[in-house]
Amino acid sequence: MNWDEVTLVIVASFGCVTLLLTQVNELLSKVPQTIRAWRQVRNELRGGGSRPCPHDHSAEAIDPGLPAVGLNGRGRTPGEAEQGRDEG
């Protein structure tokens, strides 16, 4: 076994470890979404579809095209439109 083979084995090992860690990270990042979805499905099956999930933050999303802080420096609440903005 020469140094070229040793180097290739080391590089391949680091590549495999990096791939494994990336896949584990992706899997663990999806666990909370999966739990929320499962709770929502159970809630729907029980007939409580009218109540929103307490951990669902989709209603709090702000339009990404608008700045989160208005011209007066105050924070905007979700869904609040910008008013009095001069684009001239």
C-alpha atoms as a PDB file:
ATOM      1  CA  MET A   1       0.000   0.000   0.000  1.00  0.00           C
ATOM      2  CA  ASN A   2       1.607   3.261  -1.093  1.00  0.00           C
ATOM      3  CA  TRP A   3       0.891   6.848  -0.041  1.00  0.00           C
ATOM      4  CA  ASP A   4      -1.491   7.470  -2.945  1.00  0.00           C
ATOM      5  CA  GLU A   5      -3.782   4.667  -1.794  1.00  0.00           C
ATOM      6  CA  VAL A   6      -3.626   5.842   1.819  1.00  0.00           C
ATOM      7  CA  THR A   7      -4.540   9.379   0.739  1.00  0.00           C
ATOM      8  CA  LEU A   8      -7.448   8.107  -1.362  1.00  0.00           C
ATOM      9  CA  VAL A   9      -8.753   6.022   1.550  1.00  0.00           C
ATOM     10  CA  ILE A  10      -8.573   9.047   3.890  1.00  0.00           C
ATOM     11  CA  VAL A  11     -10.320  11.350   1.394  1.00  0.00           C
ATOM     12  CA  ALA A  12     -13.001   8.751   0.687  1.00  0.00           C
ATOM     13  CA  SER A  13     -13.557   8.210   4.424  1.00  0.00           C
ATOM     14  CA  PHE A  14     -13.995  11.931   5.070  1.00  0.00           C
ATOM     15  CA  GLY A  15     -16.378  12.143   2.114  1.00  0.00           C
ATOM     16  CA  CYS A  16     -18.508   9.299   3.479  1.00  0.00           C
ATOM     17  CA  VAL A  17     -18.570  10.809   6.973  1.00  0.00           C
ATOM     18  CA  THR A  18     -19.545  14.214   5.557  1.00  0.00           C
ATOM     19  CA  LEU A  19     -22.334  12.659   3.494  1.00  0.00           C
ATOM     20  CA  LEU A  20     -23.600  10.713   6.503  1.00  0.00           C
ATOM     21  CA  LEU A  21     -23.618  13.810   8.745  1.00  0.00           C
ATOM     22  CA  THR A  22     -25.411  15.850   6.073  1.00  0.00           C
ATOM     23  CA  GLN A  23     -28.108  13.213   5.693  1.00  0.00           C
ATOM     24  CA  VAL A  24     -28.599  12.935   9.469  1.00  0.00           C
ATOM     25  CA  ASN A  25     -28.839  16.729   9.718  1.00  0.00           C
ATOM     26  CA  GLU A  26     -31.511  16.853   6.986  1.00  0.00           C
ATOM     27  CA  LEU A  27     -33.479  14.069   8.625  1.00  0.00           C
ATOM     28  CA  LEU A  28     -33.389  15.696  12.062  1.00  0.00           C
ATOM     29  CA  SER A  29     -34.419  19.084  10.646  1.00  0.00           C
ATOM     30  CA  LYS A  30     -37.621  17.538   9.248  1.00  0.00           C
ATOM     31  CA  VAL A  31     -38.688  15.839  12.487  1.00  0.00           C
ATOM     32  CA  PRO A  32     -40.585  18.867  13.943  1.00  0.00           C
ATOM     33  CA  GLN A  33     -42.522  19.360  10.682  1.00  0.00           C
ATOM     34  CA  THR A  34     -43.412  15.678  10.611  1.00  0.00           C
ATOM     35  CA  ILE A  35     -44.644  15.747  14.211  1.00  0.00           C
ATOM     36  CA  ARG A  36     -46.786  18.843  13.506  1.00  0.00           C
ATOM     37  CA  ALA A  37     -48.253  17.225  10.405  1.00  0.00           C
ATOM     38  CA  TRP A  38     -49.017  14.012  12.297  1.00  0.00           C
ATOM     39  CA  ARG A  39     -50.770  15.971  15.076  1.00  0.00           C
ATOM     40  CA  GLN A  40     -52.803  17.836  12.482  1.00  0.00           C
ATOM     41  CA  VAL A  41     -53.835  14.558  10.827  1.00  0.00           C
ATOM     42  CA  ARG A  42     -54.879  13.100  14.192  1.00  0.00           C
ATOM     43  CA  ASN A  43     -56.813  16.278  14.951  1.00  0.00           C
ATOM     44  CA  GLU A  44     -58.602  16.093  11.590  1.00  0.00           C
ATOM     45  CA  LEU A  45     -59.460  12.430  12.105  1.00  0.00           C
ATOM     46  CA  ARG A  46     -60.946  13.189  15.511  1.00  0.00           C
ATOM     47  CA  GLY A  47     -63.238  15.772  13.915  1.00  0.00           C
ATOM     48  CA  GLY A  48     -61.576  18.846  15.375  1.00  0.00           C
ATOM     49  CA  GLY A  49     -60.584  20.303  12.028  1.00  0.00           C
ATOM     50  CA  SER A  50     -61.822  23.798  12.856  1.00  0.00           C
ATOM     51  CA  ARG A  51     -59.153  24.407  15.516  1.00  0.00           C
ATOM     52  CA  PRO A  52     -55.726  25.467  14.243  1.00  0.00           C
ATOM     53  CA  CYS A  53     -52.665  23.669  15.496  1.00  0.00           C
ATOM     54  CA  PRO A  54     -51.115  25.740  18.324  1.00  0.00           C
ATOM     55  CA  HIS A  55     -47.632  25.263  16.855  1.00  0.00           C
ATOM     56  CA  ASP A  56     -48.557  26.241  13.285  1.00  0.00           C
ATOM     57  CA  HIS A  57     -46.743  29.467  12.422  1.00  0.00           C
ATOM     58  CA  SER A  58     -47.868  29.695   8.800  1.00  0.00           C
ATOM     59  CA  ALA A  59     -50.350  32.485   9.627  1.00  0.00           C
ATOM     60  CA  GLU A  60     -47.512  34.609  11.022  1.00  0.00           C
ATOM     61  CA  ALA A  61     -45.580  34.741   7.772  1.00  0.00           C
ATOM     62  CA  ILE A  62     -44.727  38.199   6.468  1.00  0.00           C
ATOM     63  CA  ASP A  63     -44.494  38.998   2.779  1.00  0.00           C
ATOM     64  CA  PRO A  64     -40.777  38.523   2.030  1.00  0.00           C
ATOM     65  CA  GLY A  65     -40.850  41.393  -0.466  1.00  0.00           C
ATOM     66  CA  LEU A  66     -41.627  43.936   2.252  1.00  0.00           C
ATOM     67  CA  PRO A  67     -39.200  45.103   4.925  1.00  0.00           C
ATOM     68  CA  ALA A  68     -40.001  43.983   8.471  1.00  0.00           C
ATOM     69  CA  VAL A  69     -39.493  47.516   9.817  1.00  0.00           C
ATOM     70  CA  GLY A  70     -41.456  50.498   8.532  1.00  0.00           C
ATOM     71  CA  LEU A  71     -40.001  53.903   7.673  1.00  0.00           C
ATOM     72  CA  ASN A  72     -40.807  55.223  11.147  1.00  0.00           C
ATOM     73  CA  GLY A  73     -38.638  52.510  12.724  1.00  0.00           C
ATOM     74  CA  ARG A  74     -41.514  50.583  14.282  1.00  0.00           C
ATOM     75  CA  GLY A  75     -41.873  46.898  13.610  1.00  0.00           C
ATOM     76  CA  ARG A  76     -44.714  45.791  11.390  1.00  0.00           C
ATOM     77  CA  THR A  77     -47.197  43.207  12.539  1.00  0.00           C
ATOM     78  CA  PRO A  78     -47.779  40.197  10.265  1.00  0.00           C
ATOM     79  CA  GLY A  79     -50.111  41.091   7.416  1.00  0.00           C
ATOM     80  CA  GLU A  80     -49.830  44.848   8.024  1.00  0.00           C
ATOM     81  CA  ALA A  81     -49.429  46.792   4.788  1.00  0.00           C
ATOM     82  CA  GLU A  82     -46.961  49.625   4.388  1.00  0.00           C
ATOM     83  CA  GLN A  83     -48.681  52.992   4.483  1.00  0.00           C
ATOM     84  CA  GLY A  84     -47.472  56.438   3.505  1.00  0.00           C
ATOM     85  CA  ARG A  85     -44.428  55.238   1.619  1.00  0.00           C
ATOM     86  CA  ASP A  86     -43.067  57.673  -0.969  1.00  0.00           C
ATOM     87  CA  GLU A  87     -41.260  56.066  -3.886  1.00  0.00           C
ATOM     88  CA  GLY A  88     -40.299  59.260  -5.657  1.00  0.00           C
END
